Amino acid sequence: MTAILDALTALNTSLDKLEIAAAQQEQKTLQTQQQDLFGGGYNMIDPAILAQKLDVTIERIEQVLREG
């Protein structure tokens, strides 16, 4: 069970780092480019893809917890 807790802690840390990196990238983009209010013309992390990957990860963790 310790391995699962370690994995969950690592996942949480990674998510924190991802949130910080996304916020920094957004600020950098807004500072260096004029914001396009209609086209959304800069590349960001796609929230739908990120949410899907997190859902899959959570499902796998729940499955491991059920089996353990």
N, C-alpha and C. Protein backbone atom coordinates (compact mmCIF):
# COMPACT_ATOMS: atom_id res chain seq x y z
N MET A 1 0.83 -1.20 0.00
CA MET A 1 0.00 0.00 0.00
C MET A 1 0.87 1.26 0.00
N THR A 2 2.08 1.15 0.54
CA THR A 2 2.99 2.29 0.55
C THR A 2 3.34 2.73 -0.86
N ALA A 3 3.51 1.77 -1.76
CA ALA A 3 3.82 2.10 -3.15
C ALA A 3 2.70 2.91 -3.78
N ILE A 4 1.47 2.58 -3.46
CA ILE A 4 0.32 3.33 -3.99
C ILE A 4 0.33 4.75 -3.44
N LEU A 5 0.57 4.90 -2.16
CA LEU A 5 0.61 6.24 -1.57
C LEU A 5 1.75 7.06 -2.17
N ASP A 6 2.90 6.41 -2.38
CA ASP A 6 4.02 7.11 -3.02
C ASP A 6 3.65 7.55 -4.43
N ALA A 7 2.97 6.68 -5.16
CA ALA A 7 2.55 7.02 -6.52
C ALA A 7 1.54 8.16 -6.53
N LEU A 8 0.60 8.14 -5.59
CA LEU A 8 -0.38 9.23 -5.50
C LEU A 8 0.29 10.56 -5.13
N THR A 9 1.26 10.48 -4.24
CA THR A 9 2.00 11.70 -3.87
C THR A 9 2.76 12.24 -5.07
N ALA A 10 3.40 11.35 -5.82
CA ALA A 10 4.13 11.77 -7.01
C ALA A 10 3.18 12.36 -8.06
N LEU A 11 2.00 11.76 -8.21
CA LEU A 11 1.01 12.28 -9.15
C LEU A 11 0.56 13.68 -8.74
N ASN A 12 0.31 13.86 -7.45
CA ASN A 12 -0.11 15.17 -6.95
C ASN A 12 0.98 16.22 -7.18
N THR A 13 2.22 15.85 -6.93
CA THR A 13 3.34 16.77 -7.15
C THR A 13 3.45 17.13 -8.62
N SER A 14 3.30 16.15 -9.48
CA SER A 14 3.36 16.40 -10.92
C SER A 14 2.24 17.32 -11.38
N LEU A 15 1.05 17.13 -10.84
CA LEU A 15 -0.07 18.00 -11.20
C LEU A 15 0.17 19.44 -10.73
N ASP A 16 0.74 19.58 -9.53
CA ASP A 16 1.08 20.92 -9.05
C ASP A 16 2.07 21.60 -9.98
N LYS A 17 3.10 20.84 -10.39
CA LYS A 17 4.10 21.40 -11.31
C LYS A 17 3.48 21.75 -12.65
N LEU A 18 2.58 20.91 -13.13
CA LEU A 18 1.91 21.17 -14.40
C LEU A 18 1.08 22.45 -14.33
N GLU A 19 0.35 22.64 -13.24
CA GLU A 19 -0.45 23.85 -13.07
C GLU A 19 0.45 25.09 -13.06
N ILE A 20 1.57 25.02 -12.37
CA ILE A 20 2.50 26.15 -12.31
C ILE A 20 3.07 26.44 -13.69
N ALA A 21 3.50 25.38 -14.40
CA ALA A 21 4.07 25.56 -15.74
C ALA A 21 3.06 26.14 -16.71
N ALA A 22 1.81 25.67 -16.63
CA ALA A 22 0.77 26.18 -17.53
C ALA A 22 0.50 27.66 -17.25
N ALA A 23 0.46 28.03 -15.98
CA ALA A 23 0.23 29.43 -15.63
C ALA A 23 1.40 30.30 -16.11
N GLN A 24 2.63 29.82 -15.95
CA GLN A 24 3.79 30.57 -16.41
C GLN A 24 3.78 30.72 -17.92
N GLN A 25 3.43 29.66 -18.62
CA GLN A 25 3.38 29.72 -20.08
C GLN A 25 2.30 30.70 -20.54
N GLU A 26 1.17 30.68 -19.88
CA GLU A 26 0.10 31.61 -20.24
C GLU A 26 0.55 33.06 -20.03
N GLN A 27 1.20 33.32 -18.91
CA GLN A 27 1.68 34.68 -18.64
C GLN A 27 2.73 35.10 -19.67
N LYS A 28 3.63 34.19 -20.01
CA LYS A 28 4.67 34.49 -21.00
C LYS A 28 4.04 34.80 -22.35
N THR A 29 3.05 34.01 -22.74
CA THR A 29 2.38 34.22 -24.02
C THR A 29 1.66 35.56 -24.04
N LEU A 30 0.98 35.87 -22.96
CA LEU A 30 0.24 37.13 -22.90
C LEU A 30 1.17 38.33 -22.90
N GLN A 31 2.36 38.17 -22.35
CA GLN A 31 3.31 39.28 -22.31
C GLN A 31 3.99 39.51 -23.65
N THR A 32 4.18 38.45 -24.43
CA THR A 32 4.94 38.57 -25.67
C THR A 32 4.07 38.75 -26.92
N GLN A 33 2.78 38.50 -26.80
CA GLN A 33 1.90 38.60 -27.96
C GLN A 33 0.64 39.38 -27.60
N GLN A 34 0.08 40.00 -28.59
CA GLN A 34 -1.20 40.62 -28.38
C GLN A 34 -2.24 39.51 -28.28
N GLN A 35 -3.07 39.60 -27.30
CA GLN A 35 -4.07 38.56 -27.09
C GLN A 35 -5.12 38.62 -28.19
N ASP A 36 -5.36 37.48 -28.81
CA ASP A 36 -6.37 37.36 -29.84
C ASP A 36 -7.68 36.96 -29.16
N LEU A 37 -8.61 37.90 -29.04
CA LEU A 37 -9.84 37.64 -28.31
C LEU A 37 -10.82 36.76 -29.06
N PHE A 38 -10.63 36.61 -30.36
CA PHE A 38 -11.59 35.87 -31.15
C PHE A 38 -11.06 34.53 -31.65
N GLY A 39 -9.76 34.42 -31.86
CA GLY A 39 -9.21 33.21 -32.45
C GLY A 39 -8.53 32.27 -31.47
N GLY A 40 -8.19 32.75 -30.28
CA GLY A 40 -7.45 31.91 -29.35
C GLY A 40 -6.16 31.43 -29.97
N GLY A 41 -5.40 32.32 -30.58
CA GLY A 41 -4.32 31.96 -31.47
C GLY A 41 -3.02 31.48 -30.86
N TYR A 42 -2.95 31.11 -29.62
CA TYR A 42 -1.69 30.59 -29.10
C TYR A 42 -1.88 29.19 -28.56
N ASN A 43 -0.80 28.44 -28.57
CA ASN A 43 -0.85 27.03 -28.17
C ASN A 43 -0.81 26.91 -26.66
N MET A 44 -1.76 26.20 -26.14
CA MET A 44 -1.81 25.93 -24.70
C MET A 44 -2.08 24.44 -24.54
N ILE A 45 -2.02 23.99 -23.32
CA ILE A 45 -2.36 22.61 -23.02
C ILE A 45 -3.87 22.46 -23.22
N ASP A 46 -4.27 21.45 -23.94
CA ASP A 46 -5.69 21.23 -24.20
C ASP A 46 -6.33 20.64 -22.94
N PRO A 47 -7.22 21.39 -22.30
CA PRO A 47 -7.82 20.92 -21.05
C PRO A 47 -8.59 19.61 -21.21
N ALA A 48 -9.20 19.39 -22.36
CA ALA A 48 -9.97 18.15 -22.56
C ALA A 48 -9.05 16.93 -22.58
N ILE A 49 -7.91 17.05 -23.24
CA ILE A 49 -6.96 15.94 -23.29
C ILE A 49 -6.37 15.69 -21.91
N LEU A 50 -6.01 16.76 -21.21
CA LEU A 50 -5.48 16.62 -19.87
C LEU A 50 -6.50 15.96 -18.95
N ALA A 51 -7.74 16.39 -19.02
CA ALA A 51 -8.80 15.81 -18.18
C ALA A 51 -8.98 14.32 -18.50
N GLN A 52 -8.92 13.97 -19.78
CA GLN A 52 -9.08 12.58 -20.17
C GLN A 52 -7.94 11.73 -19.61
N LYS A 53 -6.72 12.22 -19.69
CA LYS A 53 -5.58 11.47 -19.17
C LYS A 53 -5.68 11.32 -17.66
N LEU A 54 -6.12 12.36 -16.98
CA LEU A 54 -6.28 12.28 -15.53
C LEU A 54 -7.39 11.30 -15.16
N ASP A 55 -8.47 11.29 -15.92
CA ASP A 55 -9.55 10.34 -15.67
C ASP A 55 -9.06 8.90 -15.79
N VAL A 56 -8.28 8.63 -16.83
CA VAL A 56 -7.75 7.29 -17.02
C VAL A 56 -6.83 6.92 -15.85
N THR A 57 -5.99 7.86 -15.44
CA THR A 57 -5.08 7.61 -14.32
C THR A 57 -5.85 7.33 -13.04
N ILE A 58 -6.88 8.11 -12.79
CA ILE A 58 -7.70 7.92 -11.58
C ILE A 58 -8.40 6.56 -11.63
N GLU A 59 -8.91 6.19 -12.79
CA GLU A 59 -9.57 4.88 -12.92
C GLU A 59 -8.59 3.75 -12.62
N ARG A 60 -7.37 3.87 -13.12
CA ARG A 60 -6.37 2.84 -12.86
C ARG A 60 -6.03 2.75 -11.38
N ILE A 61 -5.89 3.91 -10.73
CA ILE A 61 -5.60 3.92 -9.30
C ILE A 61 -6.73 3.30 -8.51
N GLU A 62 -7.96 3.64 -8.88
CA GLU A 62 -9.12 3.06 -8.19
C GLU A 62 -9.16 1.55 -8.37
N GLN A 63 -8.82 1.08 -9.56
CA GLN A 63 -8.80 -0.36 -9.82
C GLN A 63 -7.75 -1.05 -8.95
N VAL A 64 -6.58 -0.45 -8.85
CA VAL A 64 -5.53 -1.03 -8.01
C VAL A 64 -5.95 -1.05 -6.56
N LEU A 65 -6.61 0.01 -6.10
CA LEU A 65 -7.06 0.06 -4.72
C LEU A 65 -8.14 -1.00 -4.44
N ARG A 66 -9.03 -1.23 -5.42
CA ARG A 66 -10.05 -2.25 -5.25
C ARG A 66 -9.43 -3.65 -5.17
N GLU A 67 -8.41 -3.88 -5.98
CA GLU A 67 -7.75 -5.18 -6.00
C GLU A 67 -6.92 -5.40 -4.75
N GLY A 68 -6.38 -4.32 -4.19
CA GLY A 68 -5.49 -4.42 -3.01
C GLY A 68 -6.26 -4.49 -1.79
